[in-house]
Protein backbone atom coordinates (compact mmCIF):
# COMPACT_ATOMS: atom_id res chain seq x y z
CA MET A 1 2.08 39.61 -61.15
CA ALA A 2 2.53 37.25 -58.28
CA SER A 3 2.38 33.59 -59.04
CA THR A 4 -0.81 31.85 -58.01
CA ARG A 5 0.80 28.45 -58.02
CA PRO A 6 0.08 26.76 -54.68
CA THR A 7 3.04 26.23 -52.44
CA GLN A 8 4.23 22.64 -52.55
CA LEU A 9 4.56 21.27 -49.04
CA SER A 10 7.22 18.72 -48.37
CA SER A 11 5.92 15.39 -47.16
CA PRO A 12 6.90 14.19 -43.68
CA PRO A 13 10.00 12.04 -43.61
CA SER A 14 9.52 8.33 -44.03
CA PRO A 15 10.13 6.20 -40.94
CA SER A 16 13.02 4.60 -42.80
CA TYR A 17 14.88 7.94 -42.86
CA LEU A 18 14.85 8.48 -39.08
CA PRO A 19 18.29 8.22 -37.46
CA THR A 20 19.03 4.82 -35.99
CA GLU A 21 19.50 6.34 -32.53
CA ILE A 22 15.95 7.79 -32.64
CA LEU A 23 14.52 4.48 -33.81
CA LEU A 24 16.25 2.64 -30.97
CA HIS A 25 14.72 5.05 -28.45
CA ILE A 26 11.30 4.37 -29.96
CA PHE A 27 11.91 0.63 -29.88
CA ALA A 28 12.94 0.83 -26.22
CA PHE A 29 9.35 1.70 -25.25
CA CYS A 30 8.24 -1.63 -26.70
CA VAL A 31 10.66 -3.79 -24.74
CA ALA A 32 9.04 -3.59 -21.30
CA PRO A 33 5.77 -5.52 -20.81
CA ASP A 34 2.77 -4.15 -18.94
CA GLU A 35 3.69 -4.38 -15.24
CA SER A 36 0.02 -4.57 -14.23
CA ASN A 37 -0.60 -7.65 -16.38
CA ASN A 38 0.00 -10.97 -14.63
CA GLU A 39 -0.18 -12.86 -17.88
CA ALA A 40 2.91 -13.54 -19.99
CA PHE A 41 4.39 -11.03 -22.41
CA THR A 42 3.13 -11.44 -26.00
CA ALA A 43 5.77 -9.40 -27.93
CA LEU A 44 3.39 -9.19 -30.89
CA HIS A 45 3.96 -5.43 -31.15
CA ILE A 46 7.71 -6.11 -31.41
CA VAL A 47 7.05 -8.44 -34.35
CA ARG A 48 4.85 -5.82 -36.02
CA ILE A 49 7.59 -3.19 -35.70
CA SER A 50 10.07 -5.51 -37.39
CA HIS A 51 7.64 -5.79 -40.33
CA VAL A 52 7.14 -2.06 -40.97
CA CYS A 53 9.93 -1.86 -43.56
CA HIS A 54 13.25 -3.48 -44.38
CA VAL A 55 15.21 -0.73 -42.59
CA TRP A 56 13.28 -1.18 -39.36
CA ARG A 57 13.61 -4.92 -39.70
CA ASP A 58 17.39 -4.79 -40.19
CA ILE A 59 17.81 -2.43 -37.21
CA SER A 60 15.55 -4.43 -34.88
CA LEU A 61 17.10 -7.79 -35.81
CA ALA A 62 20.58 -6.42 -35.15
CA TYR A 63 19.65 -4.91 -31.78
CA PRO A 64 19.70 -7.75 -29.16
CA PRO A 65 18.12 -5.76 -26.25
CA PHE A 66 14.99 -5.43 -28.39
CA TRP A 67 14.43 -9.18 -27.98
CA SER A 68 15.57 -9.61 -24.37
CA ASN A 69 12.06 -9.74 -22.86
CA ILE A 70 11.28 -13.30 -23.82
CA ALA A 71 7.66 -13.85 -24.88
CA PHE A 72 5.87 -16.94 -23.58
CA LYS A 73 2.23 -16.20 -24.28
CA THR A 74 3.18 -16.85 -27.91
CA PRO A 75 5.59 -19.76 -27.22
CA PHE A 76 6.73 -20.16 -30.82
CA LEU A 77 8.49 -16.79 -30.48
CA ALA A 78 10.51 -17.78 -27.42
CA THR A 79 13.21 -19.71 -29.31
CA THR A 80 13.58 -16.93 -31.88
CA MET A 81 13.85 -14.26 -29.19
CA LEU A 82 16.43 -16.28 -27.25
CA GLU A 83 18.61 -16.44 -30.36
CA ARG A 84 18.15 -12.81 -31.35
CA SER A 85 18.84 -11.53 -27.80
CA LYS A 86 22.33 -13.01 -27.60
CA PRO A 87 24.57 -12.10 -25.84
CA THR A 88 22.57 -9.56 -23.78
CA PRO A 89 20.92 -10.36 -20.43
CA ILE A 90 17.37 -11.67 -20.71
CA VAL A 91 14.18 -11.23 -18.70
CA ILE A 92 12.03 -14.32 -18.02
CA ARG A 93 8.55 -13.48 -16.79
CA ALA A 94 5.69 -15.93 -17.05
CA ASN A 95 2.46 -17.13 -15.53
CA LEU A 96 3.07 -20.85 -15.95
CA THR A 97 -0.57 -21.80 -15.38
CA PRO A 98 -2.53 -19.09 -17.22
CA GLY A 99 -6.24 -18.92 -16.67
CA GLY A 100 -6.03 -18.85 -12.88
CA GLY A 101 -5.48 -22.58 -12.58
CA GLN A 102 -8.82 -23.37 -14.20
CA ILE A 103 -7.19 -25.01 -17.22
CA ASP A 104 -6.27 -28.69 -17.12
CA ASP A 105 -2.61 -29.12 -16.16
CA ALA A 106 -2.22 -31.63 -19.00
CA SER A 107 -3.71 -29.30 -21.61
CA TYR A 108 -1.79 -28.38 -24.75
CA ARG A 109 -1.65 -24.71 -23.70
CA ILE A 110 -0.03 -25.48 -20.33
CA ARG A 111 2.44 -27.93 -21.84
CA CYS A 112 3.50 -25.39 -24.49
CA MET A 113 3.97 -22.72 -21.84
CA PHE A 114 6.18 -24.90 -19.67
CA LYS A 115 8.17 -26.09 -22.67
CA ALA A 116 8.90 -22.52 -23.79
CA VAL A 117 9.81 -21.35 -20.26
CA SER A 118 12.04 -24.36 -19.64
CA ARG A 119 13.91 -23.62 -22.85
CA ALA A 120 14.55 -20.07 -21.63
CA LEU A 121 15.55 -21.23 -18.13
CA ARG A 122 18.27 -23.36 -19.69
CA SER A 123 19.84 -20.01 -20.61
CA SER A 124 19.75 -18.89 -16.99
CA ASP A 125 23.41 -17.85 -17.25
CA ARG A 126 22.09 -14.83 -19.15
CA ALA A 127 18.99 -14.24 -17.02
CA LYS A 128 18.93 -10.86 -15.29
CA GLU A 129 15.38 -11.35 -14.07
CA ILE A 130 13.32 -14.49 -13.40
CA ASP A 131 9.70 -13.93 -12.38
CA LEU A 132 7.57 -17.09 -12.34
CA ARG A 133 3.99 -17.34 -11.11
CA SER A 134 2.25 -20.70 -10.93
CA GLY A 135 -0.57 -22.70 -9.49
CA PRO A 136 -0.05 -26.36 -8.56
CA SER A 137 1.45 -28.24 -11.51
CA LYS A 138 3.31 -31.49 -12.10
CA HIS A 139 5.53 -29.68 -14.63
CA LEU A 140 7.13 -27.37 -12.05
CA ALA A 141 9.88 -29.77 -10.95
CA LYS A 142 11.20 -30.02 -14.50
CA ALA A 143 11.12 -26.21 -14.94
CA PHE A 144 13.06 -25.63 -11.71
CA ASP A 145 15.58 -28.31 -12.69
CA ASP A 146 16.43 -26.26 -15.80
CA ILE A 147 17.74 -23.39 -13.65
CA ARG A 148 21.43 -24.36 -13.56
CA PRO A 149 23.56 -21.25 -14.02
CA THR A 150 27.31 -21.83 -13.96
CA THR A 151 27.80 -18.07 -13.80
CA SER A 152 25.05 -15.65 -12.97
CA GLN A 153 23.94 -12.04 -13.39
CA LEU A 154 20.53 -12.70 -11.81
CA GLU A 155 19.44 -9.60 -9.90
CA TYR A 156 15.69 -10.22 -9.62
CA LEU A 157 14.16 -13.55 -8.54
CA SER A 158 10.43 -13.90 -7.90
CA LEU A 159 8.74 -17.28 -7.38
CA ARG A 160 5.05 -16.94 -6.51
CA GLY A 161 2.39 -19.58 -6.04
CA TYR A 162 -1.35 -19.04 -6.15
CA GLY A 163 -4.48 -21.09 -5.62
CA ASP A 164 -7.70 -21.33 -3.66
CA ASN A 165 -6.23 -21.35 -0.15
CA LEU A 166 -4.44 -18.08 0.57
CA ARG A 167 -2.11 -19.66 3.13
CA SER A 168 -1.34 -23.07 1.64
CA THR A 169 2.04 -23.99 0.15
CA VAL A 170 1.73 -24.36 -3.63
CA PHE A 171 5.16 -25.75 -4.50
CA ASP A 172 8.63 -26.57 -3.15
CA VAL A 173 11.63 -24.64 -4.41
CA PRO A 174 14.57 -27.07 -4.76
CA SER A 175 17.84 -26.05 -3.13
CA SER A 176 19.64 -26.96 -6.35
CA ILE A 177 18.60 -23.61 -7.82
CA PHE A 178 20.90 -21.89 -5.32
CA SER A 179 23.76 -24.41 -5.35
CA HIS A 180 25.40 -23.93 -8.76
CA CYS A 181 26.93 -20.47 -8.34
CA GLN A 182 26.68 -17.21 -6.43
CA LEU A 183 23.58 -15.21 -7.40
CA PRO A 184 23.99 -11.40 -7.19
CA LEU A 185 20.40 -10.95 -6.06
CA GLN A 186 19.04 -7.48 -5.42
CA THR A 187 15.36 -8.46 -5.25
CA LEU A 188 14.04 -11.70 -3.76
CA ILE A 189 10.29 -12.41 -3.71
CA LEU A 190 8.90 -15.74 -2.51
CA GLU A 191 5.20 -16.40 -2.06
CA ARG A 192 3.33 -19.50 -0.88
CA CYS A 193 6.24 -21.84 -1.39
CA HIS A 194 8.64 -23.90 0.69
CA VAL A 195 12.33 -22.95 0.65
CA ILE A 196 15.24 -24.18 2.75
CA PRO A 197 16.55 -20.93 4.30
CA SER A 198 20.19 -22.00 4.57
CA SER A 199 20.42 -22.25 0.78
CA LEU A 200 19.47 -18.58 0.41
CA VAL A 201 21.71 -16.76 2.85
CA ARG A 202 24.89 -16.53 0.78
CA HIS A 203 22.98 -14.96 -2.12
CA CYS A 204 21.62 -12.07 -0.03
CA THR A 205 24.73 -9.94 0.37
CA HIS A 206 23.52 -7.29 -2.10
CA LEU A 207 19.80 -7.65 -1.43
CA SER A 208 17.82 -4.38 -1.56
CA HIS A 209 14.26 -5.80 -1.50
CA LEU A 210 13.15 -8.87 0.48
CA GLU A 211 9.55 -10.04 0.24
CA LEU A 212 8.26 -13.24 1.83
CA ARG A 213 4.54 -14.06 1.84
CA SER A 214 3.23 -17.26 3.45
CA VAL A 215 6.62 -18.93 3.07
CA THR A 216 7.35 -21.82 5.42
CA ALA A 217 10.47 -23.23 7.12
CA PHE A 218 12.01 -19.92 8.23
CA SER A 219 12.97 -19.21 11.83
CA ILE A 220 13.65 -15.89 13.55
CA GLY A 221 17.36 -16.72 13.38
CA ASP A 222 17.19 -17.29 9.60
CA ILE A 223 15.64 -13.87 8.97
CA VAL A 224 18.08 -12.14 11.32
CA THR A 225 20.96 -13.79 9.46
CA ILE A 226 19.66 -12.48 6.12
CA PHE A 227 19.27 -9.01 7.64
CA ARG A 228 22.85 -9.16 8.87
CA HIS A 229 24.23 -10.20 5.45
CA ALA A 230 22.25 -7.49 3.61
CA SER A 231 22.35 -4.77 6.25
CA LEU A 232 24.17 -2.26 4.04
CA SER A 233 21.89 -2.68 1.02
CA LEU A 234 18.35 -3.47 2.26
CA GLN A 235 15.86 -0.78 1.30
CA SER A 236 12.51 -2.53 1.70
CA ILE A 237 11.34 -5.55 3.71
CA ILE A 238 7.90 -7.17 3.43
CA LEU A 239 7.13 -10.18 5.62
CA ASP A 240 3.48 -11.15 5.26
CA SER A 241 1.96 -14.06 7.21
CA VAL A 242 5.31 -15.83 7.51
CA PRO A 243 5.10 -18.47 10.27
CA LEU A 244 8.48 -17.84 11.90
CA HIS A 245 9.65 -20.51 14.31
CA ALA A 246 11.81 -19.78 17.31
CA GLY A 247 15.46 -20.17 16.42
CA VAL A 248 18.94 -19.51 17.72
CA VAL A 249 20.19 -15.98 17.00
CA GLU A 250 23.97 -16.13 16.80
CA GLU A 251 24.59 -12.51 17.75
CA THR A 252 22.47 -10.22 19.90
CA THR A 253 23.94 -6.89 18.74
CA GLN A 254 21.55 -4.56 16.93
CA ILE A 255 21.56 -4.76 13.15
CA VAL A 256 21.60 -1.26 11.68
CA LEU A 257 19.75 -0.92 8.36
CA PRO A 258 20.81 2.58 7.25
CA HIS A 259 19.10 2.55 3.84
CA LEU A 260 15.78 0.96 4.85
CA SER A 261 12.79 2.95 3.56
CA LEU A 262 9.95 0.44 4.13
CA LEU A 263 9.36 -2.17 6.81
CA HIS A 264 6.10 -4.11 6.41
CA LEU A 265 5.34 -6.82 8.98
CA ASN A 266 2.00 -8.58 8.70
CA ALA A 267 0.67 -11.32 10.98
CA ILE A 268 -3.10 -11.10 10.98
CA HIS A 269 -3.96 -14.79 11.04
CA GLY A 270 -3.51 -15.34 14.75
CA ASP A 271 -1.02 -18.18 14.45
CA SER A 272 1.52 -17.96 17.29
CA HIS A 273 4.39 -18.69 14.88
CA ALA A 274 3.20 -15.93 12.57
CA HIS A 275 3.08 -13.61 15.56
CA ASN A 276 6.80 -14.24 16.12
CA ILE A 277 7.46 -11.97 13.17
CA PHE A 278 7.28 -8.91 15.42
CA PHE A 279 10.12 -10.12 17.62
CA LEU A 280 12.41 -9.24 14.73
CA LEU A 281 11.97 -5.64 15.92
CA HIS A 282 14.20 -6.48 18.88
CA PHE A 283 17.17 -7.11 16.59
CA ILE A 284 17.08 -4.23 14.09
CA THR A 285 17.57 -0.49 14.16
CA ILE A 286 15.18 1.29 11.80
CA PRO A 287 16.03 4.69 10.27
CA PRO A 288 13.64 7.44 11.41
CA THR A 289 12.82 8.19 7.76
CA ALA A 290 11.53 4.67 7.08
CA SER A 291 7.83 3.92 6.71
CA LEU A 292 6.40 1.31 9.07
CA VAL A 293 3.46 -0.91 8.10
CA LEU A 294 2.49 -3.16 11.03
CA GLN A 295 -0.60 -5.36 10.74
CA PHE A 296 -1.44 -7.82 13.49
CA LEU A 297 -4.13 -9.68 15.39
CA ILE A 298 -4.54 -8.96 19.11
CA LEU A 299 -4.43 -12.36 20.81
CA GLY A 300 -5.27 -13.85 24.17
CA SER A 301 -7.59 -12.96 27.02
CA THR A 302 -5.52 -9.89 27.93
CA ARG A 303 -5.93 -8.47 24.42
CA GLN A 304 -2.50 -6.91 24.44
CA ILE A 305 -0.56 -5.50 21.52
CA PRO A 306 2.65 -7.52 20.87
CA VAL A 307 5.33 -6.11 23.17
CA PRO A 308 7.99 -5.00 20.63
CA ILE A 309 5.55 -2.86 18.65
CA ILE A 310 4.94 -0.12 21.21
CA ASN A 311 8.63 0.26 22.07
CA THR A 312 9.58 0.39 18.39
CA LEU A 313 6.95 3.00 17.60
CA GLY A 314 8.10 5.12 20.53
CA ARG A 315 11.70 5.07 19.32
CA HIS A 316 10.63 5.70 15.76
CA PHE A 317 8.50 8.72 16.66
CA SER A 318 11.09 10.32 18.91
CA ALA A 319 13.97 9.87 16.44
CA GLY A 320 12.33 11.18 13.27
CA GLU A 321 10.13 13.97 12.05
CA PRO A 322 6.99 14.35 14.19
CA ILE A 323 3.71 12.94 12.89
CA ARG A 324 1.63 15.86 11.60
CA SER A 325 -1.41 14.14 10.07
CA LEU A 326 -3.49 11.15 11.21
CA ILE A 327 -6.31 9.14 9.72
CA VAL A 328 -8.24 6.62 11.85
CA PHE A 329 -10.72 4.25 10.24
CA GLN A 330 -12.31 0.88 10.67
CA ALA A 331 -11.67 -1.96 8.26
CA ASN A 332 -12.67 -5.57 7.81
CA LEU A 333 -9.86 -7.88 6.78
CA HIS A 334 -10.85 -11.49 6.07
CA LYS A 335 -14.10 -10.77 7.99
CA ARG A 336 -12.19 -9.73 11.12
CA ARG A 337 -12.89 -6.41 12.74
CA GLY A 338 -10.01 -4.00 12.64
CA LEU A 339 -8.92 -0.48 13.34
CA ARG A 340 -6.36 1.23 11.16
CA ILE A 341 -4.28 4.26 12.10
CA GLN A 342 -2.17 5.94 9.45
CA GLY A 343 0.19 8.85 10.06
CA TRP A 344 2.12 11.27 7.87
CA THR A 345 5.09 13.47 8.75
CA ARG A 346 3.49 16.24 6.68
CA ALA A 347 0.19 18.00 7.20
CA THR A 348 -0.99 16.90 3.76
CA LEU A 349 -3.71 14.44 4.69
CA PRO A 350 -6.56 14.76 2.18
CA ARG A 351 -9.99 15.68 3.45
CA PHE A 352 -11.54 12.92 1.42
CA PHE A 353 -10.97 9.41 2.68
CA TYR A 354 -10.44 7.77 -0.72
CA ALA A 355 -7.75 9.97 -2.25
CA ASP A 356 -5.72 8.26 -4.97
CA ASP A 357 -2.98 10.86 -4.82
CA ALA A 358 -2.41 10.62 -1.06
CA LEU A 359 1.19 10.18 0.02
CA SER A 360 2.23 6.91 1.63
CA PRO A 361 1.99 7.21 5.42
CA ASN A 362 5.06 7.16 7.60
CA ILE A 363 3.22 4.82 9.96
CA ASP A 364 0.43 2.40 9.10
CA LEU A 365 -0.91 0.29 11.95
CA HIS A 366 -3.72 -2.20 11.48
CA PHE A 367 -5.07 -3.73 14.68
CA VAL A 368 -7.32 -6.78 14.12
CA TRP A 369 -9.47 -8.35 16.80
CA GLU A 370 -12.16 -11.02 16.66
CA GLU A 371 -14.67 -9.47 19.06
CA GLU A 372 -18.25 -8.32 18.67
CA ASP A 373 -17.87 -4.98 20.44
CA ASP A 374 -16.24 -2.55 18.00
CA ASN A 375 -16.16 0.25 20.55
CA SER A 376 -14.32 -1.93 23.06
CA LEU A 377 -11.67 -2.54 20.40
CA ILE A 378 -11.15 1.18 19.90
CA GLU A 379 -11.13 2.05 23.59
CA ARG A 380 -8.55 -0.64 24.34
CA ILE A 381 -6.25 0.23 21.45
CA LEU A 382 -6.17 4.01 21.64
CA PRO A 383 -4.64 4.23 25.16
CA GLU A 384 -1.88 1.86 24.03
CA PHE A 385 -1.26 3.94 20.95
CA ALA A 386 -1.28 7.16 23.00
CA SER A 387 1.67 5.91 25.01
CA VAL A 388 4.02 5.86 22.00
CA GLY A 389 3.86 9.68 21.38
CA PRO A 390 4.77 12.31 20.84
CA LEU A 391 1.82 13.28 18.63
CA HIS A 392 1.76 16.87 19.80
CA ALA A 393 2.56 18.17 16.29
CA VAL A 394 -0.44 16.59 14.54
CA GLN A 395 -2.39 19.33 12.77
CA MET A 396 -4.82 17.33 10.63
CA LEU A 397 -7.06 14.48 11.80
CA THR A 398 -9.51 12.36 9.79
CA ILE A 399 -11.86 9.85 11.44
CA ALA A 400 -13.31 7.83 8.60
CA ARG A 401 -16.28 5.50 8.90
CA VAL A 402 -15.77 4.29 12.45
CA SER A 403 -19.20 2.76 13.05
CA VAL A 404 -19.18 2.85 16.86
CA LEU A 405 -17.31 5.50 18.80
CA SER A 406 -17.96 6.61 22.38
CA VAL A 407 -17.23 10.01 23.87
CA ALA A 408 -14.60 8.37 26.10
CA ALA A 409 -12.76 6.94 23.10
CA MET A 410 -12.89 10.32 21.35
CA ASP A 411 -11.52 11.94 24.51
CA VAL A 412 -8.54 9.58 24.54
CA LEU A 413 -7.83 10.28 20.89
CA LEU A 414 -8.00 14.06 21.16
CA LEU A 415 -5.93 14.17 24.33
CA MET A 416 -3.05 12.93 22.17
CA LEU A 417 -3.52 15.76 19.67
CA PRO A 418 -3.42 19.18 21.33
CA SER A 419 -2.35 21.01 18.16
CA VAL A 420 -5.04 19.82 15.75
CA ARG A 421 -6.22 22.60 13.44
CA GLU A 422 -8.29 20.59 10.93
CA VAL A 423 -10.68 17.73 11.66
CA CYS A 424 -12.58 15.66 9.09
CA VAL A 425 -15.18 13.12 10.23
CA HIS A 426 -17.05 10.55 8.13
CA GLY A 427 -20.33 9.30 9.57
CA SER A 428 -22.62 10.22 12.43
CA ALA A 429 -20.86 8.10 15.10
CA ALA A 430 -17.65 10.11 15.06
CA LEU A 431 -19.52 13.42 14.79
CA ARG A 432 -21.78 12.70 17.76
CA ALA A 433 -18.83 11.60 19.89
CA LEU A 434 -16.99 14.79 18.89
CA TYR A 435 -19.67 17.12 20.18
CA GLY A 436 -20.44 15.05 23.29
CA LEU A 437 -23.39 12.72 22.70
CA GLU A 438 -23.21 9.22 24.13
CA LEU A 439 -24.24 6.16 22.14
CA ASN A 440 -27.74 6.35 23.67
CA GLY A 441 -28.14 9.96 22.56
CA ASN A 442 -27.69 11.57 25.98
CA PRO A 443 -25.21 14.44 26.37
CA VAL A 444 -22.19 13.91 28.66
CA ASN A 445 -22.12 15.80 31.96
CA ARG A 446 -18.63 17.17 31.29
CA ALA A 447 -16.85 19.20 28.65
CA PRO A 448 -17.27 17.52 25.24
CA PRO A 449 -14.19 16.38 23.28
CA LEU A 450 -14.63 19.23 20.79
CA ALA A 451 -13.95 21.71 23.60
CA ARG A 452 -10.40 20.36 23.91
CA LEU A 453 -9.41 21.51 20.43
CA ARG A 454 -8.31 25.06 21.14
CA GLU A 455 -6.40 25.25 17.84
CA LEU A 456 -9.26 23.93 15.69
CA ARG A 457 -9.99 26.14 12.70
CA SER A 458 -11.60 23.83 10.14
CA LEU A 459 -14.22 21.09 10.54
CA THR A 460 -15.35 18.92 7.62
CA ILE A 461 -18.32 16.56 7.96
CA HIS A 462 -19.09 13.76 5.50
CA GLU A 463 -21.94 11.23 5.47
CA ALA A 464 -23.56 12.41 8.69
CA SER A 465 -27.26 12.60 9.54
CA PHE A 466 -28.93 15.77 10.82
CA ARG A 467 -32.44 14.42 10.26
CA ASN A 468 -34.56 11.66 11.77
CA GLY A 469 -37.27 11.47 9.15
CA GLU A 470 -39.02 14.84 9.34
CA THR A 471 -37.54 15.59 12.75
CA GLN A 472 -34.35 17.53 13.29
CA ASP A 473 -31.67 15.44 15.00
CA VAL A 474 -30.76 16.52 18.52
CA GLY A 475 -27.12 16.46 17.47
CA LEU A 476 -27.54 19.54 15.28
CA ARG A 477 -28.45 21.66 18.28
CA ALA A 478 -25.56 20.16 20.23
CA LEU A 479 -23.12 20.98 17.41
CA CYS A 480 -24.33 24.58 17.25
CA ASP A 481 -23.90 24.92 21.01
CA ARG A 482 -20.36 23.55 20.88
CA LEU A 483 -19.40 25.95 18.09
CA ASP A 484 -20.78 28.86 20.10
CA GLU A 485 -18.85 27.78 23.20
CA LEU A 486 -15.58 27.66 21.26
CA SER A 487 -16.26 31.07 19.76
CA ALA A 488 -17.03 32.56 23.19
CA ARG A 489 -13.64 31.37 24.45
CA GLY A 490 -11.85 33.08 21.60
CA TYR A 491 -10.76 30.02 19.59
CA GLY A 492 -13.72 29.15 17.46
CA VAL A 493 -14.02 27.20 14.20
CA THR A 494 -13.72 29.55 11.23
CA GLU A 495 -14.48 27.04 8.43
CA LEU A 496 -17.22 24.41 8.36
CA ILE A 497 -17.86 22.09 5.40
CA VAL A 498 -20.77 19.64 5.19
CA CYS A 499 -20.83 17.12 2.32
CA TYR A 500 -23.08 14.19 1.39
CA SER A 501 -25.11 14.37 4.58
CA ASP A 502 -28.80 13.96 5.38
CA ALA A 503 -29.80 17.56 6.12
CA SER A 504 -32.42 20.09 5.09
CA ARG A 505 -31.82 23.59 3.88
CA GLN A 506 -33.22 24.96 7.14
CA ASP A 507 -30.76 22.83 9.14
CA MET A 508 -27.83 24.19 7.21
CA GLU A 509 -29.06 27.78 7.41
CA GLU A 510 -29.11 27.42 11.18
CA LEU A 511 -25.63 25.87 11.25
CA ALA A 512 -24.20 28.61 9.02
CA LYS A 513 -24.95 31.22 11.70
CA HIS A 514 -22.28 29.80 14.00
CA VAL A 515 -19.19 29.99 11.76
CA ARG A 516 -17.51 32.54 9.50
CA GLU A 517 -17.11 30.33 6.44
CA PHE A 518 -19.58 27.64 5.49
CA LEU A 519 -19.91 25.26 2.55
CA TRP A 520 -22.76 22.81 2.02
CA ASP A 521 -22.26 20.54 -0.98
CA GLY A 522 -23.59 17.22 -2.21
CA SER A 523 -26.18 16.79 0.54
CA MET A 524 -28.86 14.16 0.15
CA ASN A 525 -31.65 16.76 0.30
CA GLY A 526 -30.13 19.19 -2.16
CA THR A 527 -26.94 20.88 -3.27
CA SER A 528 -28.02 24.51 -3.02
CA CYS A 529 -25.71 27.08 -1.49
CA VAL A 530 -26.55 28.14 2.01
CA PRO A 531 -27.48 31.84 2.33
CA VAL A 532 -25.01 33.95 4.25
CA PRO A 533 -26.32 35.07 7.65
CA PRO A 534 -27.02 38.81 7.37
CA GLN A 535 -25.27 39.64 10.62
CA LEU A 536 -21.92 38.44 9.20
CA ASP A 537 -22.09 41.01 6.38
CA LEU A 538 -20.06 38.82 4.03
CA VAL A 539 -20.37 38.28 0.29
CA PRO A 540 -21.26 34.70 -0.75
CA SER A 541 -19.16 33.05 -3.44
CA ASN A 542 -19.96 29.57 -4.83
CA GLY A 543 -21.56 28.50 -1.59
CA ARG A 544 -18.65 29.74 0.52
CA SER A 545 -18.93 32.93 2.53
């Protein structure tokens, strides 16, 4: 007779019996702080791990990298972590004025934070990363004075100020920080501070990331010199609202940056010195694979784009992969009207404007102009942009929430894009301009822009209006006519999608007669599927025929 005794299951192994190598891998996940958190690292979970059992405690105490991310939000731990991390490199990250600057600079919390950070900075010989963020404080001078490395392995240096005024200088960075020894910097980030440029240059030989935001005292010559020193290692450059002064450039030969993947130049404030940032384009050669982010304010009565930008874009387009996808949309930046054009070298542009998984564009241009007439902005910019070409390979175009758009402006845009196969428009303004209705509602007396798109196969419409109260909008009839005209010429739209638009079921039934495939989803007056026109003899499936 078989035994009825229940099988005894072995209990899972105790954490203390795990191999040390496995435990160290687990501990490694606890070393790095949350990158999205601007506050200081707490390290409380590291302390909890060391209290699980005596084996874990012995292993963690004997493993210096476990303690290398010095905690300052709990300042009493900083001294302990500094001792336990020896002799490994340490990471010093801290918001020196936590609470967004709302706490009194003389408060106990602020004084404890500075005291703990200063103690760590006195070990700057071991610092691999220093990342300090601060509002105005009288304690900063003492903290900076504690950075006195006699030898250095510092690869990452970030000094960022913050406060109420986005452009004001928060603190001065003393040159003494850079005078003690050579710093092997790979990343340098300075924000809203004052630095003497000459003290930085010799530390930039191995620089891979340079980021300056609202940093004063630099000239064009200073930046060019840094580019020249780091030409073989620079991978990303971000210069945002840096008021560059005219300066002597020692050499006029082009600086080749073979490994550059991102160039971001931003001068939207209208200051003439900030505008000088674009003249750096004269001195550098950008790889065709690099992404360009150029944001600027159009200045002066002539309303011209800064001269180096168009030439640079032309060279960039002709040397690299052709732009295959475009998105054009309006944006307000610091209450200034703007137009943004983004381009991808792949035809992967999402149909929906706000797509979190969208790839970074190869080009990203943001034109800003303080004028009342939005349409004038667009009509002046697009011809300039058209001259940089070639954009003949663009297959996907999205026009997203451009509030005012004339037929003439749409004509200019589509003339640049003869190969477009998919168009997505957000809002009635872009849709009406596409099928040839002027701003006053009258049709143009020439071929509408839509007629130019001989390769068009898919049209997606978001947030448009096909109704004026109980009355059908005249644009619906115009759209149907345009679709019929394209079909009669042998290159009609085969797919039409309407989403989140003011339309009735009858409107959409009428529109569905003019295309092969139709989808109506998320409309304000219902989400029902549109019946398939009988003459097409197709089987409906989930609203798509």
